[in-house]
Amino acid sequence: MKKKLTIIYENSEEAYFSINPELCFILINNLLQNAIRHNIENGLIAVSIKNNSFSISNSGSQTPLNTNLIFERFEKHSTQTNSIGLG
């Protein structure tokens, strides 16, 4: 299925992060894959570097995440078969 997503990149300043390059690649790759996977058709993905921070967001479901479980390793909110969450 093609979702016809729009990607917006905003870089208002330079930011420097002290991070392992290989782990950084894996982290950004996972965040982008999730932003695509859990988005809606004709949705938006915003990548931003500002205020000494980096963020990736999407226009996915409007249902709020459970704040008690959001940082648990295998929290699953999606019913999509290609999601790897176990919960």
PDB file of N, CA and C in Angstrom:
ATOM      1  N   MET A   1       0.844  -1.170   0.000  1.00  0.00           N
ATOM      2  CA  MET A   1       0.000   0.000   0.000  1.00  0.00           C
ATOM      3  C   MET A   1       0.892   1.235   0.000  1.00  0.00           C
ATOM      4  N   LYS A   2       0.611   2.170  -0.877  1.00  0.00           N
ATOM      5  CA  LYS A   2       1.329   3.438  -0.919  1.00  0.00           C
ATOM      6  C   LYS A   2       0.548   4.451  -0.111  1.00  0.00           C
ATOM      7  N   LYS A   3       1.215   5.076   0.841  1.00  0.00           N
ATOM      8  CA  LYS A   3       0.547   6.008   1.747  1.00  0.00           C
ATOM      9  C   LYS A   3       0.595   7.450   1.265  1.00  0.00           C
ATOM     10  N   LYS A   4       1.413   7.756   0.263  1.00  0.00           N
ATOM     11  CA  LYS A   4       1.521   9.114  -0.279  1.00  0.00           C
ATOM     12  C   LYS A   4       1.843  10.115   0.829  1.00  0.00           C
ATOM     13  N   LEU A   5       2.955   9.901   1.499  1.00  0.00           N
ATOM     14  CA  LEU A   5       3.350  10.728   2.634  1.00  0.00           C
ATOM     15  C   LEU A   5       4.135  11.955   2.175  1.00  0.00           C
ATOM     16  N   THR A   6       4.005  13.028   2.926  1.00  0.00           N
ATOM     17  CA  THR A   6       4.788  14.242   2.715  1.00  0.00           C
ATOM     18  C   THR A   6       5.810  14.329   3.847  1.00  0.00           C
ATOM     19  N   ILE A   7       7.062  14.615   3.495  1.00  0.00           N
ATOM     20  CA  ILE A   7       8.112  14.745   4.491  1.00  0.00           C
ATOM     21  C   ILE A   7       8.561  16.203   4.541  1.00  0.00           C
ATOM     22  N   ILE A   8       8.590  16.750   5.748  1.00  0.00           N
ATOM     23  CA  ILE A   8       9.053  18.117   5.975  1.00  0.00           C
ATOM     24  C   ILE A   8      10.305  18.042   6.836  1.00  0.00           C
ATOM     25  N   TYR A   9      11.354  18.725   6.407  1.00  0.00           N
ATOM     26  CA  TYR A   9      12.600  18.762   7.168  1.00  0.00           C
ATOM     27  C   TYR A   9      12.862  20.203   7.589  1.00  0.00           C
ATOM     28  N   GLU A  10      13.039  20.426   8.874  1.00  0.00           N
ATOM     29  CA  GLU A  10      13.312  21.756   9.402  1.00  0.00           C
ATOM     30  C   GLU A  10      14.611  21.705  10.196  1.00  0.00           C
ATOM     31  N   ASN A  11      15.554  22.556   9.820  1.00  0.00           N
ATOM     32  CA  ASN A  11      16.836  22.618  10.505  1.00  0.00           C
ATOM     33  C   ASN A  11      17.123  24.083  10.787  1.00  0.00           C
ATOM     34  N   SER A  12      16.789  24.549  11.976  1.00  0.00           N
ATOM     35  CA  SER A  12      16.964  25.959  12.300  1.00  0.00           C
ATOM     36  C   SER A  12      18.311  26.271  12.936  1.00  0.00           C
ATOM     37  N   GLU A  13      19.079  25.246  13.273  1.00  0.00           N
ATOM     38  CA  GLU A  13      20.400  25.454  13.871  1.00  0.00           C
ATOM     39  C   GLU A  13      21.200  24.166  13.797  1.00  0.00           C
ATOM     40  N   GLU A  14      22.497  24.291  13.969  1.00  0.00           N
ATOM     41  CA  GLU A  14      23.334  23.103  14.032  1.00  0.00           C
ATOM     42  C   GLU A  14      23.224  22.491  15.419  1.00  0.00           C
ATOM     43  N   ALA A  15      23.229  21.184  15.468  1.00  0.00           N
ATOM     44  CA  ALA A  15      23.189  20.488  16.756  1.00  0.00           C
ATOM     45  C   ALA A  15      24.269  19.412  16.740  1.00  0.00           C
ATOM     46  N   TYR A  16      24.913  19.237  17.861  1.00  0.00           N
ATOM     47  CA  TYR A  16      25.962  18.237  17.986  1.00  0.00           C
ATOM     48  C   TYR A  16      25.566  17.246  19.067  1.00  0.00           C
ATOM     49  N   PHE A  17      25.661  15.976  18.727  1.00  0.00           N
ATOM     50  CA  PHE A  17      25.283  14.919  19.654  1.00  0.00           C
ATOM     51  C   PHE A  17      26.469  13.981  19.829  1.00  0.00           C
ATOM     52  N   SER A  18      26.721  13.585  21.039  1.00  0.00           N
ATOM     53  CA  SER A  18      27.762  12.610  21.320  1.00  0.00           C
ATOM     54  C   SER A  18      27.089  11.245  21.388  1.00  0.00           C
ATOM     55  N   ILE A  19      27.228  10.475  20.293  1.00  0.00           N
ATOM     56  CA  ILE A  19      26.521   9.201  20.192  1.00  0.00           C
ATOM     57  C   ILE A  19      27.323   8.259  19.307  1.00  0.00           C
ATOM     58  N   ASN A  20      27.219   6.978  19.572  1.00  0.00           N
ATOM     59  CA  ASN A  20      27.838   5.969  18.741  1.00  0.00           C
ATOM     60  C   ASN A  20      27.204   6.039  17.342  1.00  0.00           C
ATOM     61  N   PRO A  21      28.013   6.213  16.283  1.00  0.00           N
ATOM     62  CA  PRO A  21      27.451   6.379  14.940  1.00  0.00           C
ATOM     63  C   PRO A  21      26.584   5.216  14.473  1.00  0.00           C
ATOM     64  N   GLU A  22      26.986   3.986  14.776  1.00  0.00           N
ATOM     65  CA  GLU A  22      26.208   2.823  14.344  1.00  0.00           C
ATOM     66  C   GLU A  22      24.858   2.768  15.066  1.00  0.00           C
ATOM     67  N   LEU A  23      24.874   3.040  16.382  1.00  0.00           N
ATOM     68  CA  LEU A  23      23.626   3.039  17.135  1.00  0.00           C
ATOM     69  C   LEU A  23      22.731   4.213  16.719  1.00  0.00           C
ATOM     70  N   CYS A  24      23.346   5.339  16.383  1.00  0.00           N
ATOM     71  CA  CYS A  24      22.581   6.495  15.898  1.00  0.00           C
ATOM     72  C   CYS A  24      21.852   6.143  14.603  1.00  0.00           C
ATOM     73  N   PHE A  25      22.558   5.463  13.688  1.00  0.00           N
ATOM     74  CA  PHE A  25      21.943   5.041  12.437  1.00  0.00           C
ATOM     75  C   PHE A  25      20.747   4.124  12.700  1.00  0.00           C
ATOM     76  N   ILE A  26      20.929   3.153  13.591  1.00  0.00           N
ATOM     77  CA  ILE A  26      19.845   2.219  13.922  1.00  0.00           C
ATOM     78  C   ILE A  26      18.664   2.967  14.538  1.00  0.00           C
ATOM     79  N   LEU A  27      18.941   3.884  15.459  1.00  0.00           N
ATOM     80  CA  LEU A  27      17.885   4.653  16.108  1.00  0.00           C
ATOM     81  C   LEU A  27      17.084   5.472  15.099  1.00  0.00           C
ATOM     82  N   ILE A  28      17.775   6.231  14.257  1.00  0.00           N
ATOM     83  CA  ILE A  28      17.068   7.076  13.285  1.00  0.00           C
ATOM     84  C   ILE A  28      16.312   6.223  12.276  1.00  0.00           C
ATOM     85  N   ASN A  29      16.918   5.126  11.840  1.00  0.00           N
ATOM     86  CA  ASN A  29      16.242   4.215  10.918  1.00  0.00           C
ATOM     87  C   ASN A  29      14.956   3.664  11.532  1.00  0.00           C
ATOM     88  N   ASN A  30      15.014   3.224  12.795  1.00  0.00           N
ATOM     89  CA  ASN A  30      13.823   2.698  13.472  1.00  0.00           C
ATOM     90  C   ASN A  30      12.749   3.769  13.625  1.00  0.00           C
ATOM     91  N   LEU A  31      13.152   4.977  14.000  1.00  0.00           N
ATOM     92  CA  LEU A  31      12.179   6.062  14.168  1.00  0.00           C
ATOM     93  C   LEU A  31      11.492   6.414  12.845  1.00  0.00           C
ATOM     94  N   LEU A  32      12.263   6.464  11.763  1.00  0.00           N
ATOM     95  CA  LEU A  32      11.671   6.761  10.449  1.00  0.00           C
ATOM     96  C   LEU A  32      10.756   5.630   9.979  1.00  0.00           C
ATOM     97  N   GLN A  33      11.183   4.386  10.174  1.00  0.00           N
ATOM     98  CA  GLN A  33      10.329   3.258   9.788  1.00  0.00           C
ATOM     99  C   GLN A  33       9.013   3.277  10.559  1.00  0.00           C
ATOM    100  N   ASN A  34       9.075   3.578  11.857  1.00  0.00           N
ATOM    101  CA  ASN A  34       7.852   3.650  12.654  1.00  0.00           C
ATOM    102  C   ASN A  34       6.972   4.827  12.231  1.00  0.00           C
ATOM    103  N   ALA A  35       7.597   5.954  11.896  1.00  0.00           N
ATOM    104  CA  ALA A  35       6.833   7.122  11.442  1.00  0.00           C
ATOM    105  C   ALA A  35       6.088   6.811  10.145  1.00  0.00           C
ATOM    106  N   ILE A  36       6.686   6.005   9.296  1.00  0.00           N
ATOM    107  CA  ILE A  36       6.030   5.595   8.046  1.00  0.00           C
ATOM    108  C   ILE A  36       4.972   4.534   8.334  1.00  0.00           C
ATOM    109  N   ARG A  37       5.347   3.500   9.050  1.00  0.00           N
ATOM    110  CA  ARG A  37       4.474   2.351   9.318  1.00  0.00           C
ATOM    111  C   ARG A  37       3.194   2.765  10.059  1.00  0.00           C
ATOM    112  N   HIS A  38       3.321   3.671  11.006  1.00  0.00           N
ATOM    113  CA  HIS A  38       2.182   4.034  11.849  1.00  0.00           C
ATOM    114  C   HIS A  38       1.549   5.362  11.430  1.00  0.00           C
ATOM    115  N   ASN A  39       1.697   5.697  10.175  1.00  0.00           N
ATOM    116  CA  ASN A  39       1.113   6.930   9.656  1.00  0.00           C
ATOM    117  C   ASN A  39      -0.187   6.609   8.919  1.00  0.00           C
ATOM    118  N   ILE A  40      -0.866   7.659   8.508  1.00  0.00           N
ATOM    119  CA  ILE A  40      -2.116   7.512   7.781  1.00  0.00           C
ATOM    120  C   ILE A  40      -1.895   7.850   6.311  1.00  0.00           C
ATOM    121  N   GLU A  41      -2.806   7.451   5.449  1.00  0.00           N
ATOM    122  CA  GLU A  41      -2.709   7.786   4.035  1.00  0.00           C
ATOM    123  C   GLU A  41      -2.730   9.295   3.864  1.00  0.00           C
ATOM    124  N   ASN A  42      -1.878   9.810   2.975  1.00  0.00           N
ATOM    125  CA  ASN A  42      -1.699  11.243   2.739  1.00  0.00           C
ATOM    126  C   ASN A  42      -1.208  11.964   3.990  1.00  0.00           C
ATOM    127  N   GLY A  43      -0.509  11.245   4.847  1.00  0.00           N
ATOM    128  CA  GLY A  43      -0.019  11.795   6.107  1.00  0.00           C
ATOM    129  C   GLY A  43       1.250  12.619   5.946  1.00  0.00           C
ATOM    130  N   LEU A  44       1.753  13.056   7.075  1.00  0.00           N
ATOM    131  CA  LEU A  44       2.901  13.934   7.144  1.00  0.00           C
ATOM    132  C   LEU A  44       3.945  13.344   8.083  1.00  0.00           C
ATOM    133  N   ILE A  45       5.216  13.470   7.702  1.00  0.00           N
ATOM    134  CA  ILE A  45       6.331  13.139   8.586  1.00  0.00           C
ATOM    135  C   ILE A  45       7.172  14.403   8.700  1.00  0.00           C
ATOM    136  N   ALA A  46       7.424  14.832   9.929  1.00  0.00           N
ATOM    137  CA  ALA A  46       8.231  16.027  10.167  1.00  0.00           C
ATOM    138  C   ALA A  46       9.513  15.622  10.866  1.00  0.00           C
ATOM    139  N   VAL A  47      10.642  16.022  10.290  1.00  0.00           N
ATOM    140  CA  VAL A  47      11.955  15.805  10.881  1.00  0.00           C
ATOM    141  C   VAL A  47      12.500  17.184  11.227  1.00  0.00           C
ATOM    142  N   SER A  48      12.902  17.365  12.476  1.00  0.00           N
ATOM    143  CA  SER A  48      13.284  18.692  12.937  1.00  0.00           C
ATOM    144  C   SER A  48      14.525  18.666  13.814  1.00  0.00           C
ATOM    145  N   ILE A  49      15.400  19.640  13.581  1.00  0.00           N
ATOM    146  CA  ILE A  49      16.537  19.888  14.457  1.00  0.00           C
ATOM    147  C   ILE A  49      16.436  21.344  14.891  1.00  0.00           C
ATOM    148  N   LYS A  50      16.114  21.546  16.166  1.00  0.00           N
ATOM    149  CA  LYS A  50      16.037  22.906  16.705  1.00  0.00           C
ATOM    150  C   LYS A  50      16.089  22.839  18.227  1.00  0.00           C
ATOM    151  N   ASN A  51      16.454  23.942  18.834  1.00  0.00           N
ATOM    152  CA  ASN A  51      16.573  24.012  20.293  1.00  0.00           C
ATOM    153  C   ASN A  51      17.448  22.891  20.843  1.00  0.00           C
ATOM    154  N   ASN A  52      18.524  22.576  20.110  1.00  0.00           N
ATOM    155  CA  ASN A  52      19.470  21.532  20.494  1.00  0.00           C
ATOM    156  C   ASN A  52      18.799  20.166  20.687  1.00  0.00           C
ATOM    157  N   SER A  53      17.777  19.897  19.871  1.00  0.00           N
ATOM    158  CA  SER A  53      17.100  18.602  19.932  1.00  0.00           C
ATOM    159  C   SER A  53      16.774  18.120  18.519  1.00  0.00           C
ATOM    160  N   PHE A  54      16.514  16.833  18.414  1.00  0.00           N
ATOM    161  CA  PHE A  54      16.175  16.184  17.151  1.00  0.00           C
ATOM    162  C   PHE A  54      14.840  15.480  17.345  1.00  0.00           C
ATOM    163  N   SER A  55      13.904  15.662  16.419  1.00  0.00           N
ATOM    164  CA  SER A  55      12.618  14.978  16.556  1.00  0.00           C
ATOM    165  C   SER A  55      12.111  14.483  15.206  1.00  0.00           C
ATOM    166  N   ILE A  56      11.365  13.388  15.277  1.00  0.00           N
ATOM    167  CA  ILE A  56      10.650  12.836  14.129  1.00  0.00           C
ATOM    168  C   ILE A  56       9.220  12.638  14.596  1.00  0.00           C
ATOM    169  N   SER A  57       8.268  13.194  13.864  1.00  0.00           N
ATOM    170  CA  SER A  57       6.858  13.027  14.229  1.00  0.00           C
ATOM    171  C   SER A  57       6.048  12.706  12.987  1.00  0.00           C
ATOM    172  N   ASN A  58       4.846  12.176  13.210  1.00  0.00           N
ATOM    173  CA  ASN A  58       3.978  11.862  12.080  1.00  0.00           C
ATOM    174  C   ASN A  58       2.538  12.232  12.399  1.00  0.00           C
ATOM    175  N   SER A  59       1.697  12.103  11.414  1.00  0.00           N
ATOM    176  CA  SER A  59       0.279  12.418  11.571  1.00  0.00           C
ATOM    177  C   SER A  59      -0.535  11.142  11.751  1.00  0.00           C
ATOM    178  N   GLY A  60      -0.010  10.224  12.517  1.00  0.00           N
ATOM    179  CA  GLY A  60      -0.667   8.944  12.751  1.00  0.00           C
ATOM    180  C   GLY A  60      -1.933   9.066  13.568  1.00  0.00           C
ATOM    181  N   SER A  61      -2.323   7.980  14.158  1.00  0.00           N
ATOM    182  CA  SER A  61      -3.559   7.886  14.925  1.00  0.00           C
ATOM    183  C   SER A  61      -3.667   8.984  15.966  1.00  0.00           C
ATOM    184  N   GLN A  62      -4.874   9.498  16.154  1.00  0.00           N
ATOM    185  CA  GLN A  62      -5.128  10.535  17.147  1.00  0.00           C
ATOM    186  C   GLN A  62      -5.372   9.953  18.540  1.00  0.00           C
ATOM    187  N   THR A  63      -5.347   8.625  18.653  1.00  0.00           N
ATOM    188  CA  THR A  63      -5.541   7.967  19.940  1.00  0.00           C
ATOM    189  C   THR A  63      -4.283   8.139  20.781  1.00  0.00           C
ATOM    190  N   PRO A  64      -4.380   8.721  21.973  1.00  0.00           N
ATOM    191  CA  PRO A  64      -3.185   8.915  22.795  1.00  0.00           C
ATOM    192  C   PRO A  64      -2.585   7.584  23.246  1.00  0.00           C
ATOM    193  N   LEU A  65      -1.269   7.566  23.379  1.00  0.00           N
ATOM    194  CA  LEU A  65      -0.591   6.375  23.870  1.00  0.00           C
ATOM    195  C   LEU A  65      -0.762   6.262  25.380  1.00  0.00           C
ATOM    196  N   ASN A  66      -0.711   5.048  25.880  1.00  0.00           N
ATOM    197  CA  ASN A  66      -0.797   4.808  27.314  1.00  0.00           C
ATOM    198  C   ASN A  66       0.517   5.249  27.947  1.00  0.00           C
ATOM    199  N   THR A  67       0.492   6.329  28.716  1.00  0.00           N
ATOM    200  CA  THR A  67       1.713   6.878  29.296  1.00  0.00           C
ATOM    201  C   THR A  67       2.376   5.938  30.292  1.00  0.00           C
ATOM    202  N   ASN A  68       1.651   4.981  30.829  1.00  0.00           N
ATOM    203  CA  ASN A  68       2.234   4.011  31.751  1.00  0.00           C
ATOM    204  C   ASN A  68       3.037   2.934  31.022  1.00  0.00           C
ATOM    205  N   LEU A  69       2.787   2.765  29.724  1.00  0.00           N
ATOM    206  CA  LEU A  69       3.433   1.683  28.976  1.00  0.00           C
ATOM    207  C   LEU A  69       4.321   2.163  27.833  1.00  0.00           C
ATOM    208  N   ILE A  70       4.339   3.453  27.547  1.00  0.00           N
ATOM    209  CA  ILE A  70       4.986   3.953  26.335  1.00  0.00           C
ATOM    210  C   ILE A  70       6.469   3.588  26.227  1.00  0.00           C
ATOM    211  N   PHE A  71       7.169   3.488  27.345  1.00  0.00           N
ATOM    212  CA  PHE A  71       8.588   3.176  27.278  1.00  0.00           C
ATOM    213  C   PHE A  71       8.900   1.713  27.570  1.00  0.00           C
ATOM    214  N   GLU A  72       7.890   0.874  27.644  1.00  0.00           N
ATOM    215  CA  GLU A  72       8.110  -0.558  27.776  1.00  0.00           C
ATOM    216  C   GLU A  72       8.568  -1.091  26.424  1.00  0.00           C
ATOM    217  N   ARG A  73       9.450  -2.045  26.436  1.00  0.00           N
ATOM    218  CA  ARG A  73      10.102  -2.491  25.210  1.00  0.00           C
ATOM    219  C   ARG A  73       9.141  -2.958  24.119  1.00  0.00           C
ATOM    220  N   PHE A  74       8.112  -3.707  24.412  1.00  0.00           N
ATOM    221  CA  PHE A  74       7.271  -4.279  23.371  1.00  0.00           C
ATOM    222  C   PHE A  74       5.833  -3.791  23.440  1.00  0.00           C
ATOM    223  N   GLU A  75       5.618  -2.549  23.801  1.00  0.00           N
ATOM    224  CA  GLU A  75       4.273  -1.981  23.769  1.00  0.00           C
ATOM    225  C   GLU A  75       3.781  -1.990  22.322  1.00  0.00           C
ATOM    226  N   LYS A  76       2.581  -2.497  22.109  1.00  0.00           N
ATOM    227  CA  LYS A  76       2.008  -2.557  20.769  1.00  0.00           C
ATOM    228  C   LYS A  76       0.640  -1.922  20.788  1.00  0.00           C
ATOM    229  N   HIS A  77       0.479  -0.913  19.976  1.00  0.00           N
ATOM    230  CA  HIS A  77      -0.811  -0.229  19.872  1.00  0.00           C
ATOM    231  C   HIS A  77      -1.451  -0.519  18.519  1.00  0.00           C
ATOM    232  N   SER A  78      -0.647  -1.030  17.606  1.00  0.00           N
ATOM    233  CA  SER A  78      -1.095  -1.253  16.242  1.00  0.00           C
ATOM    234  C   SER A  78      -1.609  -2.683  16.059  1.00  0.00           C
ATOM    235  N   THR A  79      -2.576  -2.841  15.159  1.00  0.00           N
ATOM    236  CA  THR A  79      -3.044  -4.172  14.783  1.00  0.00           C
ATOM    237  C   THR A  79      -2.418  -4.607  13.460  1.00  0.00           C
ATOM    238  N   GLN A  80      -1.494  -3.800  12.940  1.00  0.00           N
ATOM    239  CA  GLN A  80      -0.854  -4.129  11.675  1.00  0.00           C
ATOM    240  C   GLN A  80       0.004  -5.383  11.828  1.00  0.00           C
ATOM    241  N   THR A  81      -0.036  -6.226  10.829  1.00  0.00           N
ATOM    242  CA  THR A  81       0.701  -7.487  10.893  1.00  0.00           C
ATOM    243  C   THR A  81       2.212  -7.294  10.804  1.00  0.00           C
ATOM    244  N   ASN A  82       2.666  -6.168  10.250  1.00  0.00           N
ATOM    245  CA  ASN A  82       4.108  -5.943  10.132  1.00  0.00           C
ATOM    246  C   ASN A  82       4.688  -5.240  11.342  1.00  0.00           C
ATOM    247  N   SER A  83       3.898  -5.043  12.392  1.00  0.00           N
ATOM    248  CA  SER A  83       4.392  -4.453  13.631  1.00  0.00           C
ATOM    249  C   SER A  83       5.018  -5.550  14.487  1.00  0.00           C
ATOM    250  N   ILE A  84       6.168  -5.256  15.132  1.00  0.00           N
ATOM    251  CA  ILE A  84       6.881  -6.301  15.875  1.00  0.00           C
ATOM    252  C   ILE A  84       6.587  -6.291  17.365  1.00  0.00           C
ATOM    253  N   GLY A  85       5.747  -5.378  17.823  1.00  0.00           N
ATOM    254  CA  GLY A  85       5.414  -5.351  19.252  1.00  0.00           C
ATOM    255  C   GLY A  85       4.740  -6.639  19.679  1.00  0.00           C
ATOM    256  N   LEU A  86       4.885  -6.981  20.948  1.00  0.00           N
ATOM    257  CA  LEU A  86       4.340  -8.244  21.438  1.00  0.00           C
ATOM    258  C   LEU A  86       3.218  -8.064  22.447  1.00  0.00           C
ATOM    259  N   GLY A  87       2.771  -6.876  22.669  1.00  0.00           N
ATOM    260  CA  GLY A  87       1.825  -6.712  23.769  1.00  0.00           C
ATOM    261  C   GLY A  87       0.523  -6.270  23.359  1.00  0.00           C
TER     262      GLY A  87
END
